[in-house]
Protein backbone atom coordinates (compact mmCIF):
# COMPACT_ATOMS: atom_id res chain seq x y z
CA MET A 1 34.86 40.14 61.55
CA LYS A 2 33.93 43.89 61.17
CA PRO A 3 35.86 45.65 58.49
CA GLU A 4 37.82 48.62 59.77
CA PRO A 5 40.98 50.54 58.78
CA PHE A 6 44.17 49.54 60.66
CA ARG A 7 47.50 51.34 61.08
CA ILE A 8 50.78 49.88 60.01
CA GLU A 9 53.94 50.67 61.94
CA PRO A 10 56.83 51.57 59.71
CA THR A 11 60.19 49.61 59.63
CA PHE A 12 63.21 51.88 59.59
CA VAL A 13 66.12 50.66 57.35
CA PRO A 14 69.71 51.88 57.69
CA ARG A 15 71.42 52.97 54.50
CA ILE A 16 74.96 54.29 53.86
CA TRP A 17 73.44 57.41 52.20
CA GLY A 18 70.65 57.90 54.75
CA ALA A 19 69.96 60.71 57.26
CA ARG A 20 70.35 61.04 61.05
CA SER A 21 67.15 63.03 61.44
CA LEU A 22 63.84 62.00 59.96
CA ALA A 23 61.99 65.25 60.90
CA PRO A 24 59.47 66.59 60.19
CA LEU A 25 57.72 63.24 59.49
CA TYR A 26 59.19 61.53 62.55
CA PRO A 27 60.56 64.33 64.84
CA GLU A 28 61.28 61.83 67.57
CA LYS A 29 63.91 60.23 65.37
CA SER A 30 66.64 62.83 65.54
CA ASN A 31 70.42 62.53 66.34
CA LEU A 32 70.27 58.92 65.24
CA PRO A 33 73.37 56.71 65.95
CA GLU A 34 73.33 55.39 62.39
CA PRO A 35 71.88 56.91 59.13
CA ILE A 36 68.39 55.73 58.24
CA GLY A 37 67.64 55.76 54.54
CA GLU A 38 64.19 54.31 54.26
CA ALA A 39 61.02 53.89 56.31
CA TRP A 40 59.11 50.86 54.84
CA LEU A 41 55.46 51.56 55.25
CA THR A 42 54.02 48.46 53.73
CA GLY A 43 56.81 45.88 54.22
CA ILE A 44 55.34 42.49 54.90
CA ASP A 45 57.30 42.36 58.16
CA CYS A 46 55.81 45.67 59.36
CA LYS A 47 53.64 45.34 62.44
CA VAL A 48 49.96 46.11 62.47
CA VAL A 49 49.26 48.20 65.54
CA SER A 50 45.49 48.68 65.49
CA GLY A 51 42.33 46.79 64.55
CA PRO A 52 41.65 43.06 64.67
CA PHE A 53 45.04 42.13 63.32
CA ALA A 54 47.03 44.13 65.86
CA GLY A 55 50.31 42.38 66.85
CA LYS A 56 50.54 40.52 63.50
CA THR A 57 52.76 41.46 60.54
CA LEU A 58 51.24 43.00 57.42
CA GLY A 59 52.08 39.77 55.56
CA GLU A 60 50.17 37.64 58.12
CA ALA A 61 47.17 40.04 58.16
CA TRP A 62 47.05 40.01 54.31
CA ARG A 63 46.78 36.23 54.22
CA GLU A 64 44.33 35.96 57.10
CA MET A 65 41.90 38.80 56.40
CA PRO A 66 38.59 38.01 54.69
CA HIS A 67 38.90 38.26 50.94
CA GLU A 68 36.31 41.10 50.87
CA TRP A 69 38.86 43.22 52.64
CA ARG A 70 41.36 42.81 49.81
CA GLY A 71 38.85 43.24 46.96
CA ALA A 72 37.70 41.23 43.98
CA ARG A 73 41.18 41.21 42.28
CA PHE A 74 42.68 39.57 45.38
CA THR A 75 40.22 36.78 46.23
CA GLU A 76 43.32 34.60 46.58
CA PRO A 77 45.83 36.73 48.50
CA GLY A 78 49.08 35.82 46.76
CA ASP A 79 51.91 38.25 47.60
CA PHE A 80 51.16 41.73 48.94
CA PRO A 81 51.35 43.82 45.73
CA ILE A 82 52.62 47.35 46.71
CA LEU A 83 55.67 48.51 48.63
CA ILE A 84 55.56 52.07 49.86
CA LYS A 85 58.48 53.81 51.44
CA PHE A 86 59.69 57.25 52.68
CA ILE A 87 63.20 57.88 51.45
CA PHE A 88 65.57 60.20 53.38
CA PRO A 89 68.85 60.78 51.36
CA SER A 90 71.63 62.87 52.90
CA ASP A 91 73.93 61.71 50.01
CA LYS A 92 73.40 60.47 46.47
CA LEU A 93 72.07 56.92 46.06
CA SER A 94 73.93 54.68 43.59
CA ILE A 95 73.20 55.06 39.90
CA GLN A 96 70.99 52.13 39.43
CA VAL A 97 68.32 50.41 37.30
CA HIS A 98 65.56 47.84 38.06
CA PRO A 99 64.54 44.81 35.83
CA ASP A 100 61.05 44.38 34.44
CA ASP A 101 58.84 41.42 35.28
CA ALA A 102 59.93 39.24 32.41
CA TYR A 103 63.63 39.55 33.13
CA ALA A 104 63.05 39.05 36.86
CA ALA A 105 60.94 36.02 36.25
CA ALA A 106 63.59 34.48 33.98
CA HIS A 107 66.73 35.35 36.01
CA GLU A 108 65.76 36.34 39.62
CA GLN A 109 63.42 33.66 40.97
CA ALA A 110 65.55 33.30 44.07
CA ALA A 111 64.95 36.99 44.78
CA GLY A 112 61.18 36.80 44.23
CA GLY A 113 61.04 36.98 40.43
CA GLN A 114 59.25 40.34 40.46
CA GLY A 115 60.34 43.42 38.52
CA LYS A 116 60.28 46.97 39.86
CA THR A 117 58.42 49.87 38.38
CA GLU A 118 58.12 52.84 40.78
CA MET A 119 57.16 56.43 41.23
CA TRP A 120 58.50 59.17 43.60
CA HIS A 121 56.49 61.98 45.20
CA VAL A 122 58.50 64.80 46.62
CA VAL A 123 57.37 65.43 50.21
CA GLN A 124 60.06 68.08 50.85
CA ALA A 125 62.95 69.45 48.94
CA GLU A 126 65.71 71.84 49.66
CA PRO A 127 66.82 74.41 47.04
CA GLY A 128 69.07 72.79 44.44
CA ALA A 129 67.89 69.20 45.06
CA ASN A 130 67.71 67.09 41.99
CA VAL A 131 67.35 63.59 40.63
CA LEU A 132 68.95 61.85 37.56
CA LEU A 133 66.38 60.00 35.50
CA GLY A 134 67.08 58.39 32.08
CA THR A 135 69.90 58.87 29.60
CA LYS A 136 70.54 61.73 27.22
CA PRO A 137 69.86 61.25 23.52
CA GLY A 138 72.54 59.22 21.66
CA VAL A 139 73.81 57.39 24.75
CA THR A 140 74.81 53.69 24.04
CA LYS A 141 76.00 50.76 26.14
CA GLU A 142 79.58 51.42 24.99
CA LEU A 143 79.41 55.05 26.18
CA VAL A 144 77.99 53.89 29.59
CA VAL A 145 80.80 51.31 30.05
CA ASP A 146 83.42 53.89 29.26
CA ALA A 147 81.81 56.53 31.55
CA ILE A 148 81.77 54.01 34.49
CA ALA A 149 85.45 53.42 33.99
CA HIS A 150 86.14 57.17 33.85
CA ASN A 151 83.75 58.20 36.77
CA THR A 152 81.68 60.34 34.41
CA LEU A 153 78.35 58.38 34.27
CA GLU A 154 76.38 61.35 35.65
CA ASN A 155 77.27 63.30 32.52
CA LEU A 156 75.24 60.94 30.36
CA MET A 157 72.03 61.27 32.36
CA GLU A 158 69.15 63.66 32.37
CA LYS A 159 69.11 65.95 35.45
CA HIS A 160 65.78 67.12 36.84
CA PRO A 161 65.45 69.75 39.72
CA VAL A 162 62.89 68.74 42.29
CA TYR A 163 60.38 70.85 44.21
CA ASN A 164 57.83 70.18 46.92
CA GLY A 165 54.92 68.26 45.34
CA ASP A 166 56.65 66.98 42.20
CA THR A 167 56.07 63.41 41.02
CA PHE A 168 58.29 61.25 38.87
CA PHE A 169 57.35 57.96 37.14
CA VAL A 170 60.21 55.47 36.92
CA PRO A 171 59.38 52.34 34.89
CA ALA A 172 61.61 49.30 35.01
CA GLY A 173 64.71 49.68 32.82
CA THR A 174 65.08 53.37 33.48
CA PRO A 175 68.59 54.25 34.94
CA HIS A 176 68.24 56.74 37.79
CA THR A 177 69.60 58.03 41.09
CA ILE A 178 68.19 60.32 43.86
CA GLY A 179 70.27 63.20 45.23
CA SER A 180 70.45 64.66 48.74
CA GLY A 181 68.32 67.33 50.28
CA MET A 182 64.82 65.91 49.91
CA ILE A 183 62.27 63.50 51.38
CA LEU A 184 60.47 61.26 48.92
CA CYS A 185 57.49 58.93 49.13
CA GLU A 186 58.23 56.01 46.83
CA VAL A 187 55.43 53.66 45.58
CA GLN A 188 56.54 50.54 43.72
CA GLU A 189 55.94 46.96 42.81
CA TYR A 190 56.75 44.81 45.78
CA SER A 191 60.35 44.05 44.84
CA ASP A 192 63.77 44.97 46.19
CA LEU A 193 65.71 44.09 43.02
CA THR A 194 68.26 46.75 42.24
CA TYR A 195 71.18 46.65 39.89
CA ARG A 196 73.95 49.16 40.63
CA LEU A 197 75.77 50.73 37.70
CA TYR A 198 77.98 53.15 39.66
CA ASP A 199 78.42 53.96 43.42
CA TYR A 200 80.80 56.85 43.64
CA GLY A 201 83.60 54.55 45.06
CA ARG A 202 81.83 54.02 48.40
CA THR A 203 82.67 51.23 50.72
CA ASP A 204 80.60 49.14 53.17
CA ALA A 205 81.16 48.93 56.92
CA LYS A 206 84.08 46.60 56.44
CA GLY A 207 85.83 48.86 53.99
CA ASN A 208 84.99 46.81 50.90
CA PRO A 209 83.57 48.42 47.76
CA ARG A 210 79.84 47.93 47.45
CA GLU A 211 78.79 45.37 44.87
CA LEU A 212 78.02 46.54 41.37
CA HIS A 213 75.88 44.72 38.83
CA VAL A 214 76.94 46.21 35.59
CA LYS A 215 76.28 43.28 33.25
CA LYS A 216 72.72 42.76 34.52
CA ALA A 217 72.12 46.50 34.55
CA LEU A 218 73.10 46.84 30.93
CA ASP A 219 70.97 43.77 30.04
CA VAL A 220 67.81 45.55 31.37
CA MET A 221 68.69 49.24 30.72
CA LYS A 222 66.54 51.22 28.31
CA PHE A 223 68.25 54.00 26.27
CA GLY A 224 66.95 57.16 24.83
CA LYS A 225 63.45 58.45 25.45
CA THR A 226 61.47 56.27 27.86
CA ALA A 227 58.35 56.65 29.94
CA GLY A 228 60.46 57.80 32.85
CA ARG A 229 59.61 61.41 33.44
CA LYS A 230 58.19 64.07 35.70
CA THR A 231 54.40 63.65 35.57
CA LYS A 232 51.77 66.28 35.12
CA PRO A 233 49.08 65.47 37.72
CA VAL A 234 45.41 65.91 36.70
CA SER A 235 42.64 67.24 38.95
CA LEU A 236 39.90 64.81 39.99
CA PHE A 237 36.33 65.72 40.69
CA ALA A 238 34.78 62.20 40.89
CA GLY A 239 35.81 58.74 41.90
CA GLU A 240 37.59 56.00 39.98
CA THR A 241 34.34 55.16 38.21
CA GLY A 242 33.59 58.73 37.27
CA ASP A 243 30.61 58.97 39.67
CA LYS A 244 30.63 62.58 40.96
CA ARG A 245 28.77 61.52 44.09
CA ASP A 246 31.84 59.63 45.03
CA MET A 247 34.98 61.16 46.61
CA GLN A 248 34.37 64.88 46.27
CA LEU A 249 36.28 67.30 48.48
CA GLY A 250 34.19 70.44 47.54
CA TYR A 251 35.59 73.84 48.28
CA GLY A 252 37.67 72.59 51.25
CA GLY A 253 40.32 70.64 49.36
CA LYS A 254 41.84 69.28 46.22
CA ARG A 255 42.28 65.84 44.68
CA THR A 256 44.86 65.06 42.01
CA LEU A 257 45.97 61.91 40.26
CA LEU A 258 49.78 61.91 40.48
CA SER A 259 50.55 58.81 38.49
CA ALA A 260 48.98 55.56 37.49
CA CYS A 261 50.07 52.32 35.84
CA ARG A 262 48.84 48.69 36.00
CA TYR A 263 50.74 48.17 39.33
CA PHE A 264 49.56 51.20 41.31
CA ALA A 265 47.70 54.48 41.20
CA VAL A 266 48.46 57.35 43.55
CA GLU A 267 46.32 60.33 44.40
CA ARG A 268 47.18 63.37 46.53
CA TRP A 269 44.46 64.81 48.82
CA GLU A 270 44.98 68.28 50.10
CA PHE A 271 42.73 69.79 52.70
CA TYR A 272 42.62 73.58 53.18
CA ARG A 273 40.19 73.71 56.06
CA LYS A 274 38.45 71.33 58.37
CA ILE A 275 36.45 68.73 56.42
CA PHE A 276 33.87 66.48 57.99
CA GLY A 277 32.25 63.50 56.26
CA PHE A 278 34.17 63.36 52.93
CA ARG A 279 33.64 59.68 52.04
CA TRP A 280 35.03 57.22 49.60
CA ARG A 281 34.60 53.52 48.94
CA GLY A 282 37.26 51.75 46.82
CA SER A 283 36.68 48.55 44.85
CA ALA A 284 40.04 47.21 46.25
CA PHE A 285 41.90 47.92 49.38
CA ASP A 286 43.46 51.41 49.75
CA ILE A 287 46.59 52.53 51.51
CA LEU A 288 46.49 56.06 53.06
CA VAL A 289 49.90 57.74 53.74
CA VAL A 290 49.71 60.95 55.80
CA LEU A 291 52.24 63.63 54.74
CA ASN A 292 51.19 66.36 57.15
CA GLY A 293 48.41 67.41 59.40
CA LYS A 294 46.21 65.33 61.64
CA GLY A 295 42.59 64.23 62.06
CA GLU A 296 40.51 61.22 62.17
CA ILE A 297 39.53 58.36 59.81
CA GLY A 298 35.87 57.55 60.36
CA TRP A 299 34.25 54.48 58.90
CA GLY A 300 30.96 52.69 58.88
CA ARG A 301 28.62 50.31 57.16
CA THR A 302 24.96 49.55 57.15
CA VAL A 303 23.99 46.46 59.13
CA TRP A 304 20.74 44.55 59.59
CA LYS A 305 19.65 44.22 63.17
CA ARG A 306 16.21 43.13 64.28
CA GLY A 307 14.49 44.10 61.06
CA HIS A 308 16.11 47.64 60.82
CA ASP A 309 19.05 49.08 58.95
CA VAL A 310 21.37 50.74 61.44
CA ARG A 311 24.72 52.38 61.10
CA ASP A 312 27.82 50.80 62.69
CA TRP A 313 30.52 53.42 62.98
CA GLY A 314 34.09 53.84 64.26
CA CYS A 315 36.98 56.22 64.03
CA SER A 316 40.74 56.46 64.83
CA GLY A 317 43.07 59.49 64.93
CA PHE A 318 45.84 59.90 62.39
CA GLN A 319 48.99 62.15 62.17
CA ALA A 320 51.87 62.81 59.79
CA GLY A 321 54.15 59.80 58.92
CA GLN A 322 51.39 57.24 59.44
CA CYS A 323 50.23 54.59 57.01
CA TRP A 324 46.66 53.04 57.11
CA PHE A 325 45.19 50.08 55.34
CA VAL A 326 41.49 50.62 54.40
CA PRO A 327 39.52 47.46 53.51
CA ALA A 328 37.78 47.38 50.10
CA LEU A 329 34.20 48.69 49.87
CA LEU A 330 34.31 50.16 53.40
CA ASN A 331 32.62 53.52 53.59
CA ALA A 332 35.46 55.60 55.08
CA ALA A 333 35.86 59.35 55.65
CA PRO A 334 38.93 61.42 56.60
CA ARG A 335 37.90 64.16 59.04
CA THR A 336 40.88 66.52 58.89
CA SER A 337 42.50 69.39 60.73
CA ARG A 338 43.27 72.43 58.59
CA HIS A 339 46.05 72.01 55.94
CA ALA A 340 46.36 68.23 56.05
CA THR A 341 47.76 66.25 53.09
CA MET A 342 47.70 62.56 52.42
CA LEU A 343 48.27 60.12 49.59
CA ARG A 344 45.78 57.49 48.52
CA VAL A 345 47.52 54.38 46.93
CA TYR A 346 45.51 51.54 45.30
CA VAL A 347 45.82 48.94 42.54
CA PRO A 348 43.64 50.04 39.55
CA GLU A 349 41.28 47.35 38.36
CA ASP A 350 41.45 48.54 34.69
CA LEU A 351 43.43 51.43 33.23
CA SER A 352 40.90 51.83 30.41
CA VAL A 353 38.20 52.52 33.04
CA LEU A 354 40.41 55.11 34.72
CA ARG A 355 41.17 56.79 31.37
CA SER A 356 37.48 56.89 30.53
CA ALA A 357 36.68 58.59 33.88
CA LEU A 358 39.36 61.18 33.18
CA LYS A 359 38.00 61.93 29.70
CA ARG A 360 34.54 62.43 31.25
CA GLU A 361 36.12 65.00 33.40
CA ARG A 362 37.28 66.77 30.22
CA HIS A 363 40.96 65.91 30.40
CA SER A 364 42.55 65.55 27.04
CA GLU A 365 44.26 62.34 25.83
CA ALA A 366 47.54 64.14 25.79
CA ALA A 367 47.11 65.27 29.40
CA ILE A 368 46.13 61.72 30.55
CA ALA A 369 49.19 60.28 28.75
CA GLU A 370 51.40 62.46 30.98
CA THR A 371 49.94 60.79 34.06
CA VAL A 372 48.63 57.30 33.16
CA PHE A 373 51.20 54.86 31.75
CA ASP A 374 50.83 51.41 30.15
């Protein structure tokens, strides 16, 4: 089976706080009959729409693909490790918190037993948009319980204005909510475990209050200063290994590392003019999420035929809103139109290797600590 990138069709999920227009990412989805809150890009039930696994779900493709496609860390497939979403809030989400792996393994086996650390990248934000992330200094469990009873929980949380291109890291245990007036790309552990602390008195379709999970939320909630924060992305000039021959954009674009932890790493690629032949090759599979623009993903490998090395190439067009799976070690190249932007998401093999590569690029330990988290 020849390795080649394949496109994954998103699954659109209704949410009470969602939007009735998903433009500009999905301009065809306007005047929707019900609010859509999330587009799951790598849900295991999402359909593969190109390549040799077309017609299968991502979960089926993940299990059936050659292990070389997944990379050395995933010789045995296990569960798909990363969930990527677009989020479209037209109202506040509940104030919530997610458990870590240890708590989920002990108390949530029926729900998968996996914790949830995540990050948000702001695709688009209106003036005045904000998120709440973490509690203010001095906040205790007792103060939180009292604030829930008096509908004042927001007053105990740190408010952060958001602007286009911002990134926030949200480790498990950090209370948070997302406000209206923005589109986010969320990258997270593959888990849907959410404990609601407060939901603004909203009701479900039957008029019943939505379920809260205050006891569990307080069990896992971290108070005071945590790793949850707005990150400070760092510029990249070489690949994950620090080899400058790998993954350069030259004068036609910019690569930045937005956030990295043991569960995921996310880069932003910005192209300022048409670029042909920018190539990269990851040691594990990559996910590409197109934020704007269009172009082609070209790929190839060297094959042995009748005593000669020959190139075996292919390409597919991409556009905004799309999500692509790129097999490990495949020599791939985005060929972009002007002003295209995409995210590269991957599972880092070793954070110490990533930190060393950043140090070789003359980033200080303090700067790296604002972007790479244990």
